[in-house]
Amino acid sequence: MSATTADPEKEIIKLVDMIKSRYLCSPRTLAVDTFNAFNTLIKEINWRRFQDMQDMIILYADEISEHCRPHAIVAENVSLRILRMVSNAMKNKVEEESDMECETLQLLLRSHRTHIDLSRSLLQENHHMDENISTFLDNLKEELQTYKNELDACAEDISYQSIQYIHSNETVMVYGHSRTIEMFLKHAAKKRKFRVIVCQTSPDQVGHIMVERLSSFPNIQITLIPDSCIYAMMARVNKVILSCYSISADGSVCSRAGANALALSASVYGIPILVCTGLYKLSPRYHFSSSVCGRDVDYSFLVSPAPILDYYTSNTLPGVHVLNPSFDYIPASLISLFITNKGSLSPSYMYRLLKEMYKLDEREF
């Protein structure tokens, strides 16, 4: 590896610092930023050995994993996915080199050369193999570009499936705003006429953004409701569509705070819950504790309670503790189907995808 590695590493160090500060951004933005940081690291450094590259990627992947949860699980997922690509490429390269060495040794033995000639020939062959790292990097860059294209087209690939799940004159309930669900509904509105009930999602009230974005489509009849009316309106709903921050190994999801109450309401009425999400959110970790009003409170869940109760009012209420969680966890038993960029999948199938996507043999979660 060359000595000038400061610039390529600067971007990924900035990413790690952002994760440590618990800065909350959209999962897609975080996934793209993480990919770009590792992609720069791989492309800009003049690598001499495969192992150097793998060691550095593992170093930063471990640092991201240490600080990622629960707000930046996607960053860990992307780093593990890239590590899997590098490991596969190294494995293939080692197998090719091993086959070449065996063939070379057999040829030399058949030619009855001396031990010195054998050693000299093998050293020349190994030197030639070291020079072939450029071929390895070219193949790795092609895989990285394929993964980048997958990230860019994720929401669009999900939206194309909307016609299969949204039918004419149905009533769909969504929670807050999500770019993926917005595109999903807009694509369905090109051929279907249906109703959408949008929960305003207090205290952020991002449901107003969804209403504004969908209001220009005449085929969508929109109703905005406060979160307190979710259970009362659920009897009119045909299906619930949710987004998420991450998918756990057991099929449960981390979503916006309050989504679990909506899922429980839907389960009472037997209404199916569809989760629109890209597979880059699938994590090898299991879900974290969702308790916020009892034991085992994880303070990384919590943000300032000022939107709920301002500082001056709280001084007049001694002994009152206000918790404002950022996330909610929905168990896999409440989810009917995942609509992903690779098609529809059941929650029980998610665990099977982990070994295909990540290198987990030597890592603990």
Protein backbone atom coordinates (compact mmCIF):
# COMPACT_ATOMS: atom_id res chain seq x y z
CA MET A 1 0.00 0.00 0.00
CA SER A 2 1.30 3.44 -0.84
CA ALA A 3 2.20 5.92 1.89
CA THR A 4 -0.24 8.61 0.79
CA THR A 5 -3.53 7.27 2.18
CA ALA A 6 -4.76 10.37 4.03
CA ASP A 7 -7.15 11.65 1.35
CA PRO A 8 -8.89 8.32 0.57
CA GLU A 9 -9.36 7.65 4.29
CA LYS A 10 -10.62 11.14 5.03
CA GLU A 11 -14.10 10.44 3.65
CA ILE A 12 -14.61 7.25 5.64
CA ILE A 13 -13.26 8.85 8.84
CA LYS A 14 -15.81 11.63 8.37
CA LEU A 15 -18.54 8.97 8.01
CA VAL A 16 -17.46 7.23 11.22
CA ASP A 17 -17.46 10.55 13.10
CA MET A 18 -20.98 11.26 11.86
CA ILE A 19 -22.18 7.87 13.10
CA LYS A 20 -20.52 8.42 16.48
CA SER A 21 -22.36 11.74 16.83
CA ARG A 22 -25.68 9.87 16.30
CA TYR A 23 -26.65 12.10 13.42
CA LEU A 24 -29.93 10.76 12.01
CA CYS A 25 -30.44 10.75 8.23
CA SER A 26 -32.46 8.67 5.78
CA PRO A 27 -31.30 5.06 5.35
CA ARG A 28 -30.79 5.50 1.61
CA THR A 29 -28.59 8.58 2.09
CA LEU A 30 -26.53 6.75 4.70
CA ALA A 31 -26.19 3.68 2.46
CA VAL A 32 -24.96 5.78 -0.49
CA ASP A 33 -22.54 7.75 1.71
CA THR A 34 -21.12 4.53 3.18
CA PHE A 35 -20.71 2.96 -0.24
CA ASN A 36 -18.98 6.06 -1.62
CA ALA A 37 -16.58 6.15 1.33
CA PHE A 38 -15.49 2.51 0.92
CA ASN A 39 -15.47 2.80 -2.86
CA THR A 40 -13.07 5.75 -2.62
CA LEU A 41 -10.90 3.79 -0.19
CA ILE A 42 -10.65 0.86 -2.63
CA LYS A 43 -10.11 2.86 -5.80
CA GLU A 44 -7.78 5.65 -4.67
CA ILE A 45 -5.20 3.69 -2.68
CA ASN A 46 -2.43 1.97 -4.63
CA TRP A 47 -2.86 -1.51 -3.15
CA ARG A 48 0.02 -4.00 -3.31
CA ARG A 49 -1.53 -6.95 -1.49
CA PHE A 50 -5.03 -8.31 -1.18
CA GLN A 51 -4.67 -8.76 2.57
CA ASP A 52 -3.89 -5.07 3.12
CA MET A 53 -7.16 -4.08 1.51
CA GLN A 54 -9.19 -6.62 3.48
CA ASP A 55 -7.57 -5.64 6.78
CA MET A 56 -8.35 -1.95 6.28
CA ILE A 57 -11.97 -2.64 5.29
CA ILE A 58 -12.38 -4.88 8.36
CA LEU A 59 -10.88 -2.13 10.54
CA TYR A 60 -13.41 0.49 9.45
CA ALA A 61 -16.29 -2.00 9.32
CA ASP A 62 -15.63 -2.94 12.95
CA GLU A 63 -15.52 0.73 13.97
CA ILE A 64 -18.84 1.38 12.24
CA SER A 65 -20.36 -1.71 13.87
CA GLU A 66 -19.27 -0.52 17.31
CA HIS A 67 -21.22 2.73 17.07
CA CYS A 68 -23.92 2.10 14.46
CA ARG A 69 -26.92 0.87 16.39
CA PRO A 70 -29.71 1.58 16.28
CA HIS A 71 -29.60 4.73 14.15
CA ALA A 72 -27.10 3.63 11.49
CA ILE A 73 -27.53 -0.10 10.98
CA VAL A 74 -27.56 0.47 7.21
CA ALA A 75 -23.93 1.68 7.33
CA GLU A 76 -22.89 -1.60 8.92
CA ASN A 77 -24.88 -3.56 6.32
CA VAL A 78 -23.17 -1.83 3.41
CA SER A 79 -19.70 -2.29 4.91
CA LEU A 80 -20.35 -6.01 5.47
CA ARG A 81 -21.65 -6.36 1.93
CA ILE A 82 -18.48 -4.79 0.51
CA LEU A 83 -16.36 -6.99 2.77
CA ARG A 84 -18.17 -10.02 1.33
CA MET A 85 -17.33 -8.86 -2.22
CA VAL A 86 -13.64 -8.45 -1.34
CA SER A 87 -13.52 -11.83 0.43
CA ASN A 88 -15.16 -13.62 -2.49
CA ALA A 89 -12.78 -12.00 -4.95
CA MET A 90 -9.79 -12.97 -2.78
CA LYS A 91 -11.06 -16.53 -2.44
CA ASN A 92 -11.46 -16.90 -6.19
CA LYS A 93 -8.03 -15.41 -6.75
CA VAL A 94 -6.37 -17.78 -4.24
CA GLU A 95 -8.05 -20.78 -5.88
CA GLU A 96 -6.83 -19.67 -9.31
CA GLU A 97 -3.30 -19.12 -7.99
CA SER A 98 -3.30 -22.51 -6.26
CA ASP A 99 -4.29 -24.24 -9.49
CA MET A 100 -1.58 -22.35 -11.38
CA GLU A 101 1.07 -23.32 -8.81
CA CYS A 102 0.10 -27.01 -9.01
CA GLU A 103 0.26 -26.97 -12.80
CA THR A 104 3.63 -25.17 -12.77
CA LEU A 105 5.09 -27.60 -10.24
CA GLN A 106 3.94 -30.60 -12.25
CA LEU A 107 5.50 -29.22 -15.42
CA LEU A 108 8.80 -28.51 -13.67
CA LEU A 109 8.94 -31.97 -12.13
CA ARG A 110 8.30 -33.60 -15.48
CA SER A 111 11.16 -31.61 -17.01
CA HIS A 112 13.61 -33.04 -14.34
CA ARG A 113 14.97 -29.63 -13.26
CA THR A 114 17.10 -29.10 -10.13
CA HIS A 115 15.79 -27.72 -6.83
CA ILE A 116 17.37 -24.33 -7.57
CA ASP A 117 15.61 -24.16 -10.93
CA LEU A 118 12.32 -25.13 -9.27
CA SER A 119 12.66 -22.41 -6.62
CA ARG A 120 13.63 -19.76 -9.15
CA SER A 121 10.72 -20.64 -11.43
CA LEU A 122 8.18 -20.59 -8.57
CA LEU A 123 9.44 -17.18 -7.39
CA GLN A 124 9.04 -15.80 -10.88
CA GLU A 125 5.53 -17.25 -11.04
CA ASN A 126 4.59 -15.69 -7.68
CA HIS A 127 5.96 -12.32 -8.82
CA HIS A 128 3.74 -12.60 -11.89
CA MET A 129 0.73 -13.37 -9.65
CA ASP A 130 1.41 -10.27 -7.52
CA GLU A 131 1.33 -8.17 -10.65
CA ASN A 132 -2.13 -9.56 -11.43
CA ILE A 133 -3.72 -7.63 -8.55
CA SER A 134 -4.90 -5.12 -11.14
CA THR A 135 -7.11 -7.86 -12.64
CA PHE A 136 -8.52 -8.56 -9.19
CA LEU A 137 -9.26 -4.86 -8.65
CA ASP A 138 -10.97 -4.59 -12.04
CA ASN A 139 -13.29 -7.47 -11.17
CA LEU A 140 -13.97 -6.00 -7.73
CA LYS A 141 -14.78 -2.59 -9.21
CA GLU A 142 -17.30 -4.22 -11.55
CA GLU A 143 -19.03 -5.85 -8.55
CA LEU A 144 -19.03 -2.54 -6.69
CA GLN A 145 -20.58 -0.78 -9.67
CA THR A 146 -23.30 -3.43 -9.84
CA TYR A 147 -24.05 -2.89 -6.15
CA LYS A 148 -24.11 0.90 -6.68
CA ASN A 149 -26.64 0.48 -9.48
CA GLU A 150 -28.73 -1.70 -7.16
CA LEU A 151 -28.77 1.04 -4.51
CA ASP A 152 -29.68 3.73 -7.03
CA ALA A 153 -32.55 1.76 -8.58
CA CYS A 154 -33.88 0.27 -5.33
CA ALA A 155 -36.92 2.52 -4.83
CA GLU A 156 -37.81 2.40 -8.51
CA ASP A 157 -37.66 -1.41 -8.58
CA ILE A 158 -40.00 -1.56 -5.58
CA SER A 159 -42.46 0.91 -7.12
CA TYR A 160 -42.87 -1.26 -10.24
CA GLN A 161 -44.51 -3.95 -8.07
CA SER A 162 -47.25 -1.62 -6.77
CA ILE A 163 -49.82 -2.74 -9.37
CA GLN A 164 -49.74 -6.25 -7.87
CA TYR A 165 -50.66 -5.08 -4.36
CA ILE A 166 -52.86 -2.00 -4.76
CA HIS A 167 -56.21 -2.50 -6.48
CA SER A 168 -58.94 -0.11 -7.54
CA ASN A 169 -61.15 1.40 -4.82
CA GLU A 170 -58.99 0.06 -2.01
CA THR A 171 -58.12 2.02 1.11
CA VAL A 172 -54.47 2.03 2.14
CA MET A 173 -53.05 3.41 5.39
CA VAL A 174 -49.48 4.74 5.55
CA TYR A 175 -47.52 6.13 8.47
CA GLY A 176 -45.73 9.43 7.95
CA HIS A 177 -43.58 10.02 4.88
CA SER A 178 -41.22 7.71 3.04
CA ARG A 179 -39.68 8.31 -0.37
CA THR A 180 -40.04 4.62 -1.26
CA ILE A 181 -43.72 4.48 -0.33
CA GLU A 182 -44.32 7.78 -2.09
CA MET A 183 -42.95 6.34 -5.35
CA PHE A 184 -44.87 3.10 -4.71
CA LEU A 185 -48.20 4.93 -4.44
CA LYS A 186 -47.49 7.27 -7.34
CA HIS A 187 -46.74 4.37 -9.66
CA ALA A 188 -49.94 2.59 -8.62
CA ALA A 189 -51.94 5.79 -9.24
CA LYS A 190 -51.03 5.66 -12.93
CA LYS A 191 -53.38 2.68 -13.39
CA ARG A 192 -55.46 2.50 -10.20
CA LYS A 193 -57.83 4.79 -8.35
CA PHE A 194 -57.71 4.32 -4.58
CA ARG A 195 -57.80 6.03 -1.18
CA VAL A 196 -54.86 6.72 1.12
CA ILE A 197 -55.17 7.47 4.84
CA VAL A 198 -52.01 9.22 6.05
CA CYS A 199 -51.14 9.29 9.75
CA GLN A 200 -49.53 12.60 10.62
CA THR A 201 -46.87 10.95 12.83
CA SER A 202 -46.46 13.20 15.85
CA PRO A 203 -44.43 14.97 17.04
CA ASP A 204 -42.56 15.43 13.74
CA GLN A 205 -45.80 15.48 11.72
CA VAL A 206 -44.04 14.31 8.56
CA GLY A 207 -47.37 12.94 7.35
CA HIS A 208 -48.06 16.44 6.02
CA ILE A 209 -45.15 15.97 3.61
CA MET A 210 -46.73 12.80 2.22
CA VAL A 211 -50.07 14.55 1.75
CA GLU A 212 -48.40 17.42 -0.08
CA ARG A 213 -46.45 15.10 -2.39
CA LEU A 214 -49.51 12.98 -3.30
CA SER A 215 -52.03 15.81 -3.64
CA SER A 216 -51.22 16.36 -7.34
CA PHE A 217 -52.43 12.87 -8.31
CA PRO A 218 -56.18 12.85 -9.11
CA ASN A 219 -56.46 9.06 -8.75
CA ILE A 220 -55.47 9.23 -5.07
CA GLN A 221 -58.04 10.39 -2.53
CA ILE A 222 -56.09 11.50 0.55
CA THR A 223 -57.18 11.75 4.17
CA LEU A 224 -54.87 13.05 6.91
CA ILE A 225 -55.59 11.83 10.43
CA PRO A 226 -53.97 12.34 13.85
CA ASP A 227 -52.27 9.34 15.39
CA SER A 228 -54.99 9.08 18.04
CA CYS A 229 -57.50 8.10 15.34
CA ILE A 230 -55.54 5.15 13.94
CA TYR A 231 -57.55 2.46 15.71
CA ALA A 232 -60.88 4.12 14.92
CA MET A 233 -60.07 4.35 11.19
CA MET A 234 -58.54 0.90 10.90
CA ALA A 235 -61.89 -0.81 10.21
CA ARG A 236 -62.08 1.02 6.85
CA VAL A 237 -58.58 -0.01 5.73
CA ASN A 238 -57.76 -2.85 3.31
CA LYS A 239 -54.00 -2.91 3.91
CA VAL A 240 -51.25 -1.04 5.75
CA ILE A 241 -48.00 -0.08 4.00
CA LEU A 242 -44.97 0.80 6.11
CA SER A 243 -41.33 1.70 5.59
CA CYS A 244 -38.46 0.90 7.95
CA TYR A 245 -34.94 1.86 8.98
CA SER A 246 -33.66 -1.71 9.13
CA ILE A 247 -34.70 -5.37 9.05
CA SER A 248 -33.41 -7.66 11.79
CA ALA A 249 -32.22 -11.21 11.22
CA ASP A 250 -35.47 -12.62 12.63
CA GLY A 251 -37.65 -10.59 10.26
CA SER A 252 -38.65 -7.87 12.72
CA VAL A 253 -38.17 -4.26 11.63
CA CYS A 254 -37.02 -0.99 13.11
CA SER A 255 -39.38 1.78 12.02
CA ARG A 256 -40.46 5.25 13.04
CA ALA A 257 -41.70 5.66 16.62
CA GLY A 258 -45.39 4.82 16.85
CA ALA A 259 -45.41 2.29 14.00
CA ASN A 260 -45.77 -0.63 16.41
CA ALA A 261 -49.07 0.78 17.73
CA LEU A 262 -50.34 0.97 14.16
CA ALA A 263 -49.22 -2.62 13.50
CA LEU A 264 -50.99 -3.85 16.63
CA SER A 265 -54.18 -2.07 15.57
CA ALA A 266 -54.00 -3.70 12.14
CA SER A 267 -53.47 -7.13 13.69
CA VAL A 268 -56.66 -6.76 15.73
CA TYR A 269 -58.66 -6.30 12.53
CA GLY A 270 -56.67 -8.90 10.60
CA ILE A 271 -55.40 -6.34 8.09
CA PRO A 272 -52.22 -7.28 6.19
CA ILE A 273 -49.09 -5.19 6.76
CA LEU A 274 -46.74 -4.71 3.83
CA VAL A 275 -43.25 -3.32 4.37
CA CYS A 276 -41.64 -1.62 1.36
CA THR A 277 -37.88 -1.71 1.77
CA GLY A 278 -34.61 -2.39 0.00
CA LEU A 279 -32.55 -5.42 0.94
CA TYR A 280 -29.62 -3.17 1.83
CA LYS A 281 -31.49 -2.63 5.11
CA LEU A 282 -31.35 -6.33 6.02
CA SER A 283 -29.07 -6.70 9.05
CA PRO A 284 -27.45 -9.81 10.57
CA ARG A 285 -28.29 -8.41 14.01
CA TYR A 286 -31.36 -9.30 16.01
CA HIS A 287 -33.74 -6.61 17.26
CA PHE A 288 -32.92 -4.39 20.18
CA SER A 289 -35.09 -3.74 23.22
CA SER A 290 -38.12 -1.57 22.43
CA SER A 291 -38.93 -0.69 26.02
CA VAL A 292 -38.95 3.05 26.71
CA CYS A 293 -41.27 3.38 29.70
CA GLY A 294 -39.86 0.62 31.87
CA ARG A 295 -36.63 -1.26 32.24
CA ASP A 296 -33.75 -1.56 29.77
CA VAL A 297 -34.08 1.91 28.25
CA ASP A 298 -31.48 2.40 25.52
CA TYR A 299 -30.83 6.14 25.42
CA SER A 300 -29.69 5.96 21.82
CA PHE A 301 -33.38 5.61 21.04
CA LEU A 302 -34.29 8.89 22.68
CA VAL A 303 -34.22 12.45 21.39
CA SER A 304 -35.15 15.77 22.96
CA PRO A 305 -38.70 15.86 24.42
CA ALA A 306 -39.02 19.57 23.50
CA PRO A 307 -41.49 18.92 20.62
CA ILE A 308 -43.81 17.21 23.13
CA LEU A 309 -43.30 19.33 26.24
CA ASP A 310 -41.28 22.53 26.22
CA TYR A 311 -38.78 23.38 28.94
CA TYR A 312 -40.81 26.07 30.70
CA THR A 313 -43.94 23.92 30.91
CA SER A 314 -41.96 20.97 32.22
CA ASN A 315 -40.76 23.08 35.17
CA THR A 316 -44.36 23.35 36.34
CA LEU A 317 -44.72 19.55 36.36
CA PRO A 318 -42.24 18.21 38.92
CA GLY A 319 -41.67 14.47 38.85
CA VAL A 320 -42.81 14.07 35.25
CA HIS A 321 -40.39 12.27 32.90
CA VAL A 322 -41.05 12.70 29.18
CA LEU A 323 -39.44 10.21 26.79
CA ASN A 324 -39.36 10.84 23.06
CA PRO A 325 -38.09 7.70 21.27
CA SER A 326 -36.88 7.89 17.69
CA PHE A 327 -37.59 4.29 16.73
CA ASP A 328 -40.10 1.52 17.23
CA TYR A 329 -39.71 -2.21 16.65
CA ILE A 330 -42.36 -4.31 14.97
CA PRO A 331 -42.09 -8.09 15.53
CA ALA A 332 -42.04 -10.37 12.51
CA SER A 333 -45.31 -11.97 13.61
CA LEU A 334 -47.18 -8.75 12.75
CA ILE A 335 -45.70 -8.40 9.25
CA SER A 336 -47.41 -10.09 6.32
CA LEU A 337 -44.94 -9.45 3.51
CA PHE A 338 -41.78 -7.58 2.57
CA ILE A 339 -41.83 -5.88 -0.83
CA THR A 340 -38.17 -5.53 -1.76
CA ASN A 341 -36.10 -4.62 -4.80
CA LYS A 342 -35.66 -8.38 -5.35
CA GLY A 343 -39.38 -9.20 -5.17
CA SER A 344 -41.77 -10.07 -2.37
CA LEU A 345 -40.43 -12.07 0.59
CA SER A 346 -41.94 -13.45 3.76
CA PRO A 347 -40.42 -12.48 7.15
CA SER A 348 -39.32 -16.07 7.80
CA TYR A 349 -37.22 -16.07 4.62
CA MET A 350 -35.07 -13.11 5.62
CA TYR A 351 -32.66 -15.17 7.70
CA ARG A 352 -31.80 -17.34 4.70
CA LEU A 353 -30.58 -14.31 2.76
CA LEU A 354 -27.91 -13.39 5.31
CA LYS A 355 -25.31 -15.95 4.23
CA GLU A 356 -25.80 -14.96 0.61
CA MET A 357 -25.29 -11.26 1.32
CA TYR A 358 -22.70 -11.07 4.10
CA LYS A 359 -19.55 -12.76 5.34
CA LEU A 360 -20.58 -13.90 8.82
CA ASP A 361 -18.34 -16.90 9.55
CA GLU A 362 -15.86 -14.98 11.71
CA ARG A 363 -18.07 -12.24 13.09
CA GLU A 364 -20.35 -12.14 16.12
CA PHE A 365 -23.63 -10.19 16.32
